[in-house]
Amino acid sequence: MEINTLLRSYKGKRVLITGHTGFKGSWLSIWLNKLGAEVIGVSLEPKTESDNYVLAKVHSFVKDISMDIRDKSKINKIFKEEKPEIVFHLAAQALVFDSYKSPLETFEINTMGTANILEAIRITKSVKTAIFITTDKVYTNKEWIWPYREDERLGGYDPYSASKGASELIISSYRDAFFNPNEYSEHEKSVASVRAGNVIG
């Protein structure tokens, strides 16, 4: 995509990012700021002083709101007050190992947290576009060498993978029930999920 197209898409737009203190979220915040967007970040505090969010001083150009996405009433309040036009949802319990230590917390964050964001989008008129970032681990692991396709079976051996597979079903349900592309003229919202792989930074 050409830089001019990106500038037209984001310049002056109010963009809310959940998980903006994480690795992917902090880089997304940097790029959107460079493109002229007004970025609102909703996330827990960064974990260490060496996180990209801290080192890049993302807090200096993002409206930083520290909170847990499981708090539905606070999420709704933020959406009502900030009136975002575009939403990127990256907040998650994102580690397979931690999902074994805290499976219930993993399911709460990755399923109900996602549902809270979807519901806030549903009741907030200003939101026009939402992108939900999940993971390539949503697929049932068949241990084969070629890439998984979007129509492969969802599943997951570990709680992390299963929770993200469940979040895909929640996103799909909301898209079909409330944001159906065939009824766009009624709701005027576009919602998609993307399945990202691991990154090294």
Protein backbone atom coordinates (compact mmCIF):
# COMPACT_ATOMS: atom_id res chain seq x y z
CA MET A 1 0.00 0.00 0.00
CA GLU A 2 1.36 3.41 -0.96
CA ILE A 3 2.24 5.86 1.79
CA ASN A 4 -0.24 8.41 0.39
CA THR A 5 -3.04 5.86 0.68
CA LEU A 6 -2.07 5.19 4.30
CA LEU A 7 -1.93 8.90 5.04
CA ARG A 8 -5.40 9.39 3.60
CA SER A 9 -6.67 6.44 5.63
CA TYR A 10 -5.31 7.49 9.02
CA LYS A 11 -4.41 11.19 9.08
CA GLY A 12 -6.58 12.97 11.63
CA LYS A 13 -8.49 9.79 12.53
CA ARG A 14 -9.10 8.82 16.14
CA VAL A 15 -7.64 5.32 16.51
CA LEU A 16 -7.99 3.22 19.66
CA ILE A 17 -5.47 0.43 20.20
CA THR A 18 -5.84 -2.16 22.96
CA GLY A 19 -2.54 -3.70 24.00
CA HIS A 20 -0.54 -0.66 22.90
CA THR A 21 2.16 -1.34 25.52
CA GLY A 22 3.01 -4.72 23.98
CA PHE A 23 5.57 -5.28 21.21
CA LYS A 24 3.19 -5.26 18.25
CA GLY A 25 0.92 -2.64 19.82
CA SER A 26 3.77 -0.23 20.51
CA TRP A 27 5.06 -0.47 16.93
CA LEU A 28 1.52 0.00 15.61
CA SER A 29 1.21 3.10 17.81
CA ILE A 30 4.46 4.51 16.39
CA TRP A 31 3.38 3.96 12.78
CA LEU A 32 -0.09 5.39 13.27
CA ASN A 33 1.38 8.45 14.96
CA LYS A 34 3.73 8.92 11.99
CA LEU A 35 0.69 8.72 9.70
CA GLY A 36 -1.01 11.54 11.60
CA ALA A 37 -3.59 9.56 13.57
CA GLU A 38 -4.74 10.56 17.06
CA VAL A 39 -3.89 7.40 19.00
CA ILE A 40 -5.62 6.32 22.21
CA GLY A 41 -4.00 3.34 23.92
CA VAL A 42 -5.78 1.00 26.35
CA SER A 43 -3.59 -1.56 28.07
CA LEU A 44 -1.91 -2.79 31.21
CA GLU A 45 1.37 -1.15 32.19
CA PRO A 46 4.49 -2.30 30.30
CA LYS A 47 6.19 -5.27 31.94
CA THR A 48 9.80 -4.02 31.96
CA GLU A 49 11.84 -0.87 31.44
CA SER A 50 13.37 -2.45 28.33
CA ASP A 51 10.01 -2.88 26.56
CA ASN A 52 9.75 -1.17 23.17
CA TYR A 53 6.89 0.96 24.55
CA VAL A 54 9.21 2.44 27.19
CA LEU A 55 12.35 2.76 25.06
CA ALA A 56 10.48 4.43 22.18
CA LYS A 57 8.69 6.78 24.61
CA VAL A 58 5.33 5.88 23.10
CA HIS A 59 3.58 7.50 26.07
CA SER A 60 4.76 10.90 24.81
CA PHE A 61 2.51 10.82 21.72
CA VAL A 62 -0.30 8.43 22.69
CA LYS A 63 -3.16 9.07 25.07
CA ASP A 64 -2.32 6.32 27.53
CA ILE A 65 -5.15 4.66 29.49
CA SER A 66 -4.03 1.93 31.87
CA MET A 67 -6.74 -0.67 32.51
CA ASP A 68 -7.80 -4.29 32.15
CA ILE A 69 -10.00 -5.11 29.14
CA ARG A 70 -12.05 -7.44 31.34
CA ASP A 71 -13.62 -4.36 32.95
CA LYS A 72 -16.67 -3.94 30.70
CA SER A 73 -18.03 -0.75 32.28
CA LYS A 74 -14.68 1.05 31.99
CA ILE A 75 -14.25 -0.09 28.39
CA ASN A 76 -17.70 1.25 27.50
CA LYS A 77 -16.92 4.54 29.27
CA ILE A 78 -13.65 4.96 27.32
CA PHE A 79 -15.36 4.30 23.99
CA LYS A 80 -18.14 6.75 24.83
CA GLU A 81 -15.71 9.50 25.87
CA GLU A 82 -12.98 9.00 23.25
CA LYS A 83 -15.26 8.31 20.25
CA PRO A 84 -12.74 6.30 18.20
CA GLU A 85 -13.32 5.83 14.48
CA ILE A 86 -10.92 2.90 14.08
CA VAL A 87 -10.14 0.15 16.62
CA PHE A 88 -7.22 -2.27 16.68
CA HIS A 89 -7.61 -4.98 19.32
CA LEU A 90 -4.29 -6.56 20.31
CA ALA A 91 -4.65 -6.88 24.10
CA ALA A 92 -4.35 -10.50 25.19
CA GLN A 93 -2.70 -13.03 27.43
CA ALA A 94 -0.31 -13.89 24.64
CA LEU A 95 1.99 -16.60 25.99
CA VAL A 96 1.49 -20.35 25.65
CA PHE A 97 3.59 -21.11 28.75
CA ASP A 98 1.63 -18.65 30.91
CA SER A 99 -1.64 -20.22 29.74
CA TYR A 100 -0.62 -23.45 31.45
CA LYS A 101 0.07 -21.57 34.69
CA SER A 102 -3.11 -19.46 34.54
CA PRO A 103 -5.65 -21.11 32.22
CA LEU A 104 -8.75 -19.40 33.61
CA GLU A 105 -7.18 -15.95 33.41
CA THR A 106 -6.10 -16.72 29.84
CA PHE A 107 -9.66 -17.65 28.86
CA GLU A 108 -11.11 -14.60 30.64
CA ILE A 109 -8.78 -12.14 28.92
CA ASN A 110 -8.81 -13.66 25.46
CA THR A 111 -12.53 -14.45 25.23
CA MET A 112 -14.46 -12.06 27.50
CA GLY A 113 -11.94 -9.28 26.89
CA THR A 114 -12.55 -9.66 23.17
CA ALA A 115 -16.33 -9.79 23.70
CA ASN A 116 -16.15 -6.57 25.77
CA ILE A 117 -14.38 -4.76 22.92
CA LEU A 118 -16.87 -6.06 20.36
CA GLU A 119 -19.81 -4.95 22.48
CA ALA A 120 -18.27 -1.50 22.96
CA ILE A 121 -17.89 -1.25 19.18
CA ARG A 122 -21.51 -2.32 18.70
CA ILE A 123 -22.89 0.44 20.94
CA THR A 124 -20.45 3.19 19.87
CA LYS A 125 -21.67 4.99 16.76
CA SER A 126 -18.32 6.64 15.97
CA VAL A 127 -16.54 3.31 15.29
CA LYS A 128 -16.47 2.50 11.58
CA THR A 129 -13.66 -0.06 11.31
CA ALA A 130 -12.24 -2.66 13.71
CA ILE A 131 -9.34 -5.08 13.29
CA PHE A 132 -8.92 -7.93 15.78
CA ILE A 133 -5.45 -9.45 15.85
CA THR A 134 -5.43 -13.08 17.00
CA THR A 135 -2.77 -15.68 16.14
CA ASP A 136 -1.79 -18.42 13.74
CA LYS A 137 -2.14 -20.79 16.71
CA VAL A 138 -5.95 -20.73 16.40
CA TYR A 139 -5.73 -23.75 14.08
CA THR A 140 -5.77 -27.37 15.20
CA ASN A 141 -2.08 -28.30 15.13
CA LYS A 142 -1.58 -31.14 12.68
CA GLU A 143 2.23 -30.92 12.80
CA TRP A 144 2.52 -30.54 9.04
CA ILE A 145 5.15 -28.46 7.30
CA TRP A 146 2.99 -26.24 5.06
CA PRO A 147 1.11 -23.11 6.15
CA TYR A 148 -2.42 -23.32 7.51
CA ARG A 149 -5.21 -21.81 5.41
CA GLU A 150 -7.99 -19.58 6.71
CA ASP A 151 -10.58 -22.32 6.32
CA GLU A 152 -8.62 -24.87 8.41
CA ARG A 153 -10.31 -26.22 11.55
CA LEU A 154 -10.02 -23.99 14.61
CA GLY A 155 -8.81 -25.61 17.80
CA GLY A 156 -5.90 -25.70 20.18
CA TYR A 157 -4.12 -28.16 22.43
CA ASP A 158 -3.01 -25.60 25.01
CA PRO A 159 -5.27 -23.06 26.79
CA TYR A 160 -3.73 -20.14 24.88
CA SER A 161 -4.48 -21.62 21.46
CA ALA A 162 -7.95 -22.73 22.51
CA SER A 163 -8.77 -19.31 23.96
CA LYS A 164 -7.71 -17.56 20.77
CA GLY A 165 -9.70 -20.05 18.68
CA ALA A 166 -12.70 -19.25 20.87
CA SER A 167 -12.11 -15.53 20.37
CA GLU A 168 -12.25 -16.08 16.60
CA LEU A 169 -15.69 -17.67 17.03
CA ILE A 170 -16.83 -14.70 19.14
CA ILE A 171 -15.60 -12.24 16.49
CA SER A 172 -17.32 -14.25 13.76
CA SER A 173 -20.57 -14.33 15.75
CA TYR A 174 -20.60 -10.55 16.26
CA ARG A 175 -19.72 -9.95 12.61
CA ASP A 176 -22.58 -12.18 11.43
CA ALA A 177 -25.14 -10.98 13.98
CA PHE A 178 -24.37 -7.26 14.24
CA PHE A 179 -21.85 -6.23 11.56
CA ASN A 180 -22.96 -8.32 8.62
CA PRO A 181 -21.36 -6.97 5.41
CA ASN A 182 -24.65 -7.50 3.57
CA GLU A 183 -26.32 -5.05 5.98
CA TYR A 184 -23.55 -2.44 6.01
CA SER A 185 -25.91 0.42 5.19
CA GLU A 186 -27.71 -0.22 8.50
CA HIS A 187 -24.76 -0.52 10.92
CA GLU A 188 -21.94 1.17 8.91
CA LYS A 189 -19.20 -0.89 10.57
CA SER A 190 -16.54 -3.18 9.10
CA VAL A 191 -15.01 -5.83 11.40
CA ALA A 192 -12.22 -8.27 10.53
CA SER A 193 -9.80 -10.58 12.30
CA VAL A 194 -6.21 -11.20 11.25
CA ARG A 195 -4.06 -14.11 12.42
CA ALA A 196 -0.53 -12.97 13.12
CA GLY A 197 2.52 -15.18 13.54
CA ASN A 198 5.40 -14.83 15.98
CA VAL A 199 7.71 -11.84 15.65
CA ILE A 200 11.29 -11.28 16.80
CA GLY A 201 12.32 -7.82 17.89
